[in-house]
Amino acid sequence: MNARHSLAVLLLCVLLPACASIMTGKHDIITVNSSPTGAKFTTNTGVQGVTPAIVEVPDSVDVQFTFEMDGYAPAGYSANHYISKWVWGNILIGGVIGLIVDFASGGMGTHDDSIYVTLAQALQQPALQQPAVEQPPVPIPQP
C-alpha cells in the first residue's frame, strides 16, 4: 500500500462519517412564497419578512410561520424538520461513528426547500344599518 492510497483511505474514514453534517450544515435556506405576494410574515425563530423571501432557519427545529396582509385572513404554516437522507447513507458508510458525529454537530435535521401559502380574502362585514324608527305624523295646521 503506497502513501497516496493510505491518504485516500484516511480521508474517506474522516470525511464520510460526517456526510450529513457536511451536506446539510446547521441551517437551512427556505424560499417563502405566498399568493398574493407581499404578505408580511414572522416566525417563532424571530425571522420577519415580506413574500417572496429567502430565509435561513436552524435545521433542528420546527419553524412556525404566520402570514398577514390587509384584506386577507391571517394564515399559518409549519415547516417541520425531519431527518436528512444523508444520515441514512452515513449510517451505512460511517456506522455508529458517523451517526454520533451528525448528532453532535446538529447536522441530522433538514427542512423542505420552499413553502407556499395561499391567503384567503377576509369576509367583508356588512355595514350596520340603523333600525328604522317610526316618526309620529306631523300635524298639519288647519286654516
N, C-alpha and C. Protein backbone atom coordinates (compact mmCIF):
# COMPACT_ATOMS: atom_id res chain seq x y z
N MET A 1 0.85 -1.17 0.00
CA MET A 1 0.00 0.00 0.00
C MET A 1 0.90 1.24 0.00
N ASN A 2 0.70 2.10 -0.98
CA ASN A 2 1.54 3.29 -1.05
C ASN A 2 0.94 4.43 -0.24
N ALA A 3 1.66 5.54 -0.15
CA ALA A 3 1.26 6.68 0.68
C ALA A 3 -0.03 7.32 0.17
N ARG A 4 -0.19 7.39 -1.14
CA ARG A 4 -1.40 8.00 -1.70
C ARG A 4 -2.64 7.17 -1.34
N HIS A 5 -2.51 5.89 -1.45
CA HIS A 5 -3.62 5.00 -1.13
C HIS A 5 -3.98 5.12 0.36
N SER A 6 -2.97 5.18 1.20
CA SER A 6 -3.20 5.33 2.64
C SER A 6 -3.87 6.66 2.95
N LEU A 7 -3.44 7.72 2.29
CA LEU A 7 -4.03 9.05 2.49
C LEU A 7 -5.49 9.05 2.03
N ALA A 8 -5.78 8.41 0.91
CA ALA A 8 -7.16 8.36 0.41
C ALA A 8 -8.05 7.60 1.38
N VAL A 9 -7.60 6.49 1.90
CA VAL A 9 -8.37 5.72 2.87
C VAL A 9 -8.59 6.53 4.14
N LEU A 10 -7.56 7.23 4.59
CA LEU A 10 -7.67 8.06 5.79
C LEU A 10 -8.69 9.18 5.59
N LEU A 11 -8.65 9.85 4.44
CA LEU A 11 -9.61 10.92 4.16
C LEU A 11 -11.04 10.39 4.11
N LEU A 12 -11.23 9.22 3.49
CA LEU A 12 -12.58 8.63 3.46
C LEU A 12 -13.07 8.32 4.87
N CYS A 13 -12.19 7.81 5.70
CA CYS A 13 -12.58 7.48 7.08
C CYS A 13 -12.92 8.72 7.88
N VAL A 14 -12.27 9.83 7.57
CA VAL A 14 -12.51 11.07 8.32
C VAL A 14 -13.74 11.81 7.79
N LEU A 15 -13.88 11.89 6.47
CA LEU A 15 -14.94 12.71 5.88
C LEU A 15 -16.28 11.99 5.76
N LEU A 16 -16.31 10.75 5.40
CA LEU A 16 -17.58 10.05 5.21
C LEU A 16 -18.42 9.93 6.46
N PRO A 17 -17.84 9.73 7.64
CA PRO A 17 -18.69 9.61 8.81
C PRO A 17 -19.45 10.88 9.17
N ALA A 18 -19.19 11.97 8.53
CA ALA A 18 -19.90 13.21 8.85
C ALA A 18 -20.60 13.76 7.62
N CYS A 19 -21.03 12.88 6.71
CA CYS A 19 -21.57 13.39 5.45
C CYS A 19 -22.84 14.21 5.63
N ALA A 20 -23.73 13.85 6.54
CA ALA A 20 -24.95 14.65 6.74
C ALA A 20 -24.59 16.03 7.27
N SER A 21 -23.63 16.10 8.19
CA SER A 21 -23.21 17.38 8.75
C SER A 21 -22.58 18.25 7.67
N ILE A 22 -21.80 17.62 6.80
CA ILE A 22 -21.14 18.37 5.73
C ILE A 22 -22.16 18.83 4.69
N MET A 23 -23.10 17.96 4.33
CA MET A 23 -24.04 18.27 3.25
C MET A 23 -25.15 19.22 3.67
N THR A 24 -25.60 19.15 4.91
CA THR A 24 -26.74 19.99 5.30
C THR A 24 -26.34 21.17 6.18
N GLY A 25 -25.25 21.10 6.89
CA GLY A 25 -24.85 22.18 7.79
C GLY A 25 -25.80 22.28 8.97
N LYS A 26 -25.79 23.43 9.64
CA LYS A 26 -26.65 23.62 10.83
C LYS A 26 -27.86 24.50 10.55
N HIS A 27 -27.93 25.09 9.35
CA HIS A 27 -29.04 25.96 8.98
C HIS A 27 -29.55 25.56 7.60
N ASP A 28 -30.82 25.82 7.38
CA ASP A 28 -31.42 25.57 6.08
C ASP A 28 -31.87 26.89 5.46
N ILE A 29 -31.85 26.93 4.15
CA ILE A 29 -32.36 28.08 3.40
C ILE A 29 -33.72 27.69 2.84
N ILE A 30 -34.76 28.47 3.19
CA ILE A 30 -36.12 28.18 2.73
C ILE A 30 -36.62 29.36 1.92
N THR A 31 -37.17 29.08 0.75
CA THR A 31 -37.82 30.10 -0.08
C THR A 31 -39.27 30.20 0.38
N VAL A 32 -39.72 31.42 0.70
CA VAL A 32 -41.06 31.64 1.24
C VAL A 32 -41.87 32.43 0.20
N ASN A 33 -42.98 31.85 -0.26
CA ASN A 33 -43.85 32.49 -1.25
C ASN A 33 -45.29 32.48 -0.76
N SER A 34 -46.06 33.44 -1.26
CA SER A 34 -47.48 33.49 -0.94
C SER A 34 -48.26 33.99 -2.14
N SER A 35 -49.54 33.69 -2.11
CA SER A 35 -50.46 34.25 -3.10
C SER A 35 -51.56 34.95 -2.32
N PRO A 36 -51.70 36.24 -2.47
CA PRO A 36 -50.91 37.14 -3.29
C PRO A 36 -49.54 37.42 -2.65
N THR A 37 -48.62 37.90 -3.48
CA THR A 37 -47.30 38.25 -2.97
C THR A 37 -47.41 39.52 -2.13
N GLY A 38 -46.42 39.76 -1.31
CA GLY A 38 -46.41 40.96 -0.48
C GLY A 38 -46.95 40.74 0.92
N ALA A 39 -47.19 39.49 1.30
CA ALA A 39 -47.69 39.20 2.65
C ALA A 39 -46.54 39.32 3.65
N LYS A 40 -46.83 39.93 4.80
CA LYS A 40 -45.84 40.02 5.87
C LYS A 40 -45.85 38.69 6.62
N PHE A 41 -44.65 38.24 7.04
CA PHE A 41 -44.61 37.00 7.82
C PHE A 41 -43.63 37.14 8.98
N THR A 42 -43.89 36.37 10.02
CA THR A 42 -42.98 36.26 11.16
C THR A 42 -42.87 34.77 11.48
N THR A 43 -41.78 34.41 12.18
CA THR A 43 -41.61 33.01 12.58
C THR A 43 -41.35 32.94 14.08
N ASN A 44 -41.48 31.75 14.61
CA ASN A 44 -41.18 31.54 16.02
C ASN A 44 -39.68 31.61 16.31
N THR A 45 -38.86 31.68 15.27
CA THR A 45 -37.42 31.82 15.46
C THR A 45 -36.96 33.27 15.35
N GLY A 46 -37.92 34.20 15.19
CA GLY A 46 -37.58 35.62 15.16
C GLY A 46 -37.35 36.20 13.77
N VAL A 47 -37.53 35.41 12.73
CA VAL A 47 -37.34 35.90 11.36
C VAL A 47 -38.60 36.62 10.93
N GLN A 48 -38.42 37.78 10.27
CA GLN A 48 -39.54 38.54 9.72
C GLN A 48 -39.24 38.88 8.28
N GLY A 49 -40.28 39.07 7.48
CA GLY A 49 -40.06 39.43 6.09
C GLY A 49 -41.35 39.64 5.35
N VAL A 50 -41.21 39.86 4.05
CA VAL A 50 -42.34 40.05 3.14
C VAL A 50 -42.11 39.11 1.96
N THR A 51 -43.17 38.41 1.55
CA THR A 51 -43.03 37.46 0.45
C THR A 51 -42.93 38.18 -0.89
N PRO A 52 -42.18 37.64 -1.82
CA PRO A 52 -41.34 36.45 -1.74
C PRO A 52 -40.05 36.76 -0.96
N ALA A 53 -39.52 35.75 -0.29
CA ALA A 53 -38.32 35.94 0.52
C ALA A 53 -37.54 34.64 0.61
N ILE A 54 -36.30 34.79 1.00
CA ILE A 54 -35.44 33.65 1.29
C ILE A 54 -34.98 33.83 2.72
N VAL A 55 -35.21 32.80 3.56
CA VAL A 55 -34.86 32.90 4.97
C VAL A 55 -33.93 31.75 5.37
N GLU A 56 -33.13 32.01 6.40
CA GLU A 56 -32.25 30.99 6.95
C GLU A 56 -32.79 30.61 8.32
N VAL A 57 -32.99 29.31 8.54
CA VAL A 57 -33.56 28.82 9.79
C VAL A 57 -32.69 27.69 10.34
N PRO A 58 -32.68 27.51 11.66
CA PRO A 58 -31.94 26.37 12.22
C PRO A 58 -32.55 25.06 11.74
N ASP A 59 -31.72 24.10 11.36
CA ASP A 59 -32.27 22.88 10.78
C ASP A 59 -32.76 21.87 11.80
N SER A 60 -32.64 22.18 13.07
CA SER A 60 -33.04 21.21 14.09
C SER A 60 -34.35 21.56 14.80
N VAL A 61 -35.07 22.57 14.31
CA VAL A 61 -36.33 22.97 14.97
C VAL A 61 -37.46 23.08 13.94
N ASP A 62 -38.69 22.90 14.43
CA ASP A 62 -39.86 23.17 13.61
C ASP A 62 -40.06 24.67 13.57
N VAL A 63 -40.31 25.22 12.40
CA VAL A 63 -40.47 26.67 12.24
C VAL A 63 -41.92 26.97 11.92
N GLN A 64 -42.55 27.80 12.77
CA GLN A 64 -43.95 28.19 12.59
C GLN A 64 -43.98 29.57 11.91
N PHE A 65 -44.62 29.65 10.76
CA PHE A 65 -44.77 30.91 10.03
C PHE A 65 -46.18 31.44 10.25
N THR A 66 -46.31 32.77 10.42
CA THR A 66 -47.59 33.45 10.49
C THR A 66 -47.59 34.53 9.41
N PHE A 67 -48.61 34.50 8.55
CA PHE A 67 -48.71 35.43 7.43
C PHE A 67 -49.88 36.38 7.66
N GLU A 68 -49.67 37.67 7.32
CA GLU A 68 -50.73 38.67 7.43
C GLU A 68 -50.67 39.61 6.24
N MET A 69 -51.85 40.04 5.80
CA MET A 69 -51.94 41.02 4.72
C MET A 69 -53.30 41.69 4.81
N ASP A 70 -53.33 43.01 4.62
CA ASP A 70 -54.60 43.74 4.67
C ASP A 70 -55.59 43.16 3.68
N GLY A 71 -56.82 42.94 4.15
CA GLY A 71 -57.88 42.42 3.30
C GLY A 71 -57.91 40.90 3.23
N TYR A 72 -56.97 40.24 3.94
CA TYR A 72 -56.90 38.78 3.89
C TYR A 72 -56.87 38.22 5.32
N ALA A 73 -57.41 37.03 5.47
CA ALA A 73 -57.40 36.37 6.78
C ALA A 73 -55.97 35.93 7.08
N PRO A 74 -55.54 36.04 8.34
CA PRO A 74 -54.20 35.55 8.70
C PRO A 74 -54.08 34.05 8.39
N ALA A 75 -52.86 33.63 8.06
CA ALA A 75 -52.62 32.21 7.75
C ALA A 75 -51.37 31.75 8.47
N GLY A 76 -51.29 30.47 8.70
CA GLY A 76 -50.12 29.89 9.34
C GLY A 76 -49.57 28.73 8.52
N TYR A 77 -48.31 28.43 8.76
CA TYR A 77 -47.66 27.30 8.09
C TYR A 77 -46.58 26.77 9.01
N SER A 78 -46.49 25.46 9.11
CA SER A 78 -45.47 24.83 9.94
C SER A 78 -44.47 24.12 9.05
N ALA A 79 -43.22 24.58 9.09
CA ALA A 79 -42.13 23.93 8.35
C ALA A 79 -41.44 23.00 9.33
N ASN A 80 -41.86 21.75 9.36
CA ASN A 80 -41.31 20.79 10.31
C ASN A 80 -39.99 20.23 9.81
N HIS A 81 -39.06 20.05 10.75
CA HIS A 81 -37.78 19.45 10.37
C HIS A 81 -37.91 17.93 10.38
N TYR A 82 -37.07 17.29 9.60
CA TYR A 82 -37.06 15.84 9.54
C TYR A 82 -35.62 15.38 9.36
N ILE A 83 -35.39 14.10 9.52
CA ILE A 83 -34.02 13.57 9.43
C ILE A 83 -33.58 13.59 7.97
N SER A 84 -32.41 14.16 7.74
CA SER A 84 -31.84 14.26 6.40
C SER A 84 -31.56 12.87 5.83
N LYS A 85 -31.75 12.73 4.53
CA LYS A 85 -31.45 11.47 3.85
C LYS A 85 -29.96 11.14 3.94
N TRP A 86 -29.14 12.16 4.09
CA TRP A 86 -27.70 11.94 4.21
C TRP A 86 -27.36 11.13 5.46
N VAL A 87 -28.17 11.22 6.48
CA VAL A 87 -27.91 10.46 7.71
C VAL A 87 -27.99 8.97 7.42
N TRP A 88 -28.96 8.55 6.62
CA TRP A 88 -29.11 7.12 6.33
C TRP A 88 -27.90 6.59 5.58
N GLY A 89 -27.42 7.34 4.61
CA GLY A 89 -26.20 6.93 3.90
C GLY A 89 -25.01 6.92 4.84
N ASN A 90 -25.01 7.87 5.74
CA ASN A 90 -23.91 7.95 6.70
C ASN A 90 -23.91 6.74 7.63
N ILE A 91 -25.07 6.29 8.04
CA ILE A 91 -25.15 5.11 8.91
C ILE A 91 -24.59 3.89 8.18
N LEU A 92 -24.92 3.77 6.89
CA LEU A 92 -24.42 2.64 6.11
C LEU A 92 -22.91 2.69 5.92
N ILE A 93 -22.38 3.89 5.66
CA ILE A 93 -20.96 4.01 5.37
C ILE A 93 -20.14 4.28 6.63
N GLY A 94 -20.62 5.19 7.47
CA GLY A 94 -19.82 5.61 8.63
C GLY A 94 -20.17 4.90 9.91
N GLY A 95 -21.28 4.16 9.90
CA GLY A 95 -21.66 3.40 11.09
C GLY A 95 -22.00 4.28 12.27
N VAL A 96 -21.73 3.76 13.45
CA VAL A 96 -22.06 4.46 14.70
C VAL A 96 -21.29 5.77 14.82
N ILE A 97 -20.03 5.78 14.38
CA ILE A 97 -19.22 6.99 14.48
C ILE A 97 -19.85 8.11 13.67
N GLY A 98 -20.27 7.81 12.44
CA GLY A 98 -20.91 8.82 11.60
C GLY A 98 -22.20 9.34 12.22
N LEU A 99 -22.98 8.44 12.80
CA LEU A 99 -24.23 8.85 13.44
C LEU A 99 -23.95 9.77 14.62
N ILE A 100 -22.95 9.44 15.41
CA ILE A 100 -22.59 10.27 16.57
C ILE A 100 -22.11 11.64 16.11
N VAL A 101 -21.30 11.69 15.06
CA VAL A 101 -20.79 12.97 14.54
C VAL A 101 -21.96 13.83 14.06
N ASP A 102 -22.88 13.24 13.31
CA ASP A 102 -24.03 14.01 12.81
C ASP A 102 -24.91 14.50 13.95
N PHE A 103 -25.15 13.66 14.93
CA PHE A 103 -25.98 14.05 16.07
C PHE A 103 -25.31 15.17 16.86
N ALA A 104 -24.02 15.03 17.15
CA ALA A 104 -23.30 16.02 17.96
C ALA A 104 -23.16 17.35 17.23
N SER A 105 -23.04 17.31 15.92
CA SER A 105 -22.83 18.56 15.17
C SER A 105 -24.14 19.26 14.83
N GLY A 106 -25.27 18.60 15.07
CA GLY A 106 -26.56 19.20 14.74
C GLY A 106 -26.88 19.10 13.26
N GLY A 107 -26.23 18.21 12.54
CA GLY A 107 -26.43 18.11 11.10
C GLY A 107 -27.42 17.06 10.66
N MET A 108 -28.22 16.53 11.58
CA MET A 108 -29.15 15.46 11.22
C MET A 108 -30.45 15.96 10.60
N GLY A 109 -30.90 17.14 10.98
CA GLY A 109 -32.19 17.64 10.54
C GLY A 109 -32.12 18.48 9.29
N THR A 110 -33.26 18.61 8.63
CA THR A 110 -33.39 19.48 7.47
C THR A 110 -34.86 19.85 7.28
N HIS A 111 -35.13 20.79 6.38
CA HIS A 111 -36.49 21.23 6.04
C HIS A 111 -36.68 21.13 4.53
N ASP A 112 -37.92 21.23 4.08
CA ASP A 112 -38.16 21.36 2.65
C ASP A 112 -37.56 22.68 2.19
N ASP A 113 -37.19 22.75 0.90
CA ASP A 113 -36.51 23.94 0.35
C ASP A 113 -37.42 25.15 0.20
N SER A 114 -38.73 24.94 0.08
CA SER A 114 -39.61 26.08 -0.14
C SER A 114 -40.99 25.82 0.47
N ILE A 115 -41.68 26.93 0.76
CA ILE A 115 -43.06 26.85 1.22
C ILE A 115 -43.89 27.83 0.41
N TYR A 116 -45.18 27.52 0.28
CA TYR A 116 -46.10 28.36 -0.49
C TYR A 116 -47.43 28.39 0.26
N VAL A 117 -47.91 29.60 0.53
CA VAL A 117 -49.16 29.77 1.28
C VAL A 117 -50.11 30.63 0.45
N THR A 118 -51.36 30.19 0.36
CA THR A 118 -52.39 30.98 -0.31
C THR A 118 -53.26 31.61 0.76
N LEU A 119 -53.33 32.94 0.74
CA LEU A 119 -54.14 33.67 1.72
C LEU A 119 -55.57 33.79 1.21
N ALA A 120 -56.52 33.59 2.10
CA ALA A 120 -57.94 33.71 1.75
C ALA A 120 -58.41 35.13 2.04
N GLN A 121 -59.21 35.66 1.14
CA GLN A 121 -59.73 37.01 1.36
C GLN A 121 -60.61 37.01 2.60
N ALA A 122 -60.46 38.06 3.38
CA ALA A 122 -61.26 38.20 4.60
C ALA A 122 -62.71 38.48 4.21
N LEU A 123 -63.63 37.97 5.00
CA LEU A 123 -65.03 38.24 4.76
C LEU A 123 -65.33 39.69 5.08
N GLN A 124 -66.06 40.32 4.21
CA GLN A 124 -66.44 41.71 4.45
C GLN A 124 -67.60 41.75 5.43
N GLN A 125 -67.48 42.56 6.45
CA GLN A 125 -68.56 42.72 7.42
C GLN A 125 -69.59 43.68 6.83
N PRO A 126 -70.85 43.30 6.82
CA PRO A 126 -71.86 44.22 6.28
C PRO A 126 -71.95 45.46 7.18
N ALA A 127 -72.18 46.59 6.54
CA ALA A 127 -72.30 47.83 7.30
C ALA A 127 -73.53 47.74 8.19
N LEU A 128 -73.38 48.22 9.40
CA LEU A 128 -74.51 48.20 10.33
C LEU A 128 -75.52 49.25 9.88
N GLN A 129 -76.75 48.82 9.78
CA GLN A 129 -77.80 49.75 9.39
C GLN A 129 -78.59 50.13 10.63
N GLN A 130 -78.93 51.39 10.70
CA GLN A 130 -79.74 51.87 11.82
C GLN A 130 -81.16 51.37 11.62
N PRO A 131 -81.75 50.85 12.69
CA PRO A 131 -83.15 50.40 12.54
C PRO A 131 -84.05 51.60 12.26
N ALA A 132 -85.03 51.35 11.41
CA ALA A 132 -85.97 52.43 11.08
C ALA A 132 -86.80 52.75 12.31
N VAL A 133 -86.89 54.03 12.61
CA VAL A 133 -87.69 54.47 13.76
C VAL A 133 -88.92 55.17 13.18
N GLU A 134 -90.07 54.70 13.60
CA GLU A 134 -91.28 55.33 13.09
C GLU A 134 -91.47 56.68 13.75
N GLN A 135 -91.67 57.65 12.90
CA GLN A 135 -91.92 59.01 13.37
C GLN A 135 -93.43 59.23 13.42
N PRO A 136 -93.87 59.85 14.50
CA PRO A 136 -95.32 60.15 14.51
C PRO A 136 -95.64 61.19 13.43
N PRO A 137 -96.81 61.10 12.88
CA PRO A 137 -97.15 62.07 11.83
C PRO A 137 -97.16 63.49 12.38
N VAL A 138 -96.67 64.37 11.57
CA VAL A 138 -96.64 65.78 11.96
C VAL A 138 -98.00 66.38 11.64
N PRO A 139 -98.64 67.01 12.66
CA PRO A 139 -99.96 67.59 12.36
C PRO A 139 -99.82 68.81 11.43
N ILE A 140 -100.71 68.85 10.50
CA ILE A 140 -100.70 69.96 9.55
C ILE A 140 -101.70 71.00 10.10
N PRO A 141 -101.22 72.23 10.29
CA PRO A 141 -102.14 73.25 10.84
C PRO A 141 -103.30 73.50 9.86
N GLN A 142 -104.49 73.66 10.41
CA GLN A 142 -105.70 73.93 9.62
C GLN A 142 -105.92 75.42 9.62
N PRO A 143 -106.27 76.01 8.51
CA PRO A 143 -106.56 77.46 8.49
C PRO A 143 -107.88 77.85 9.06
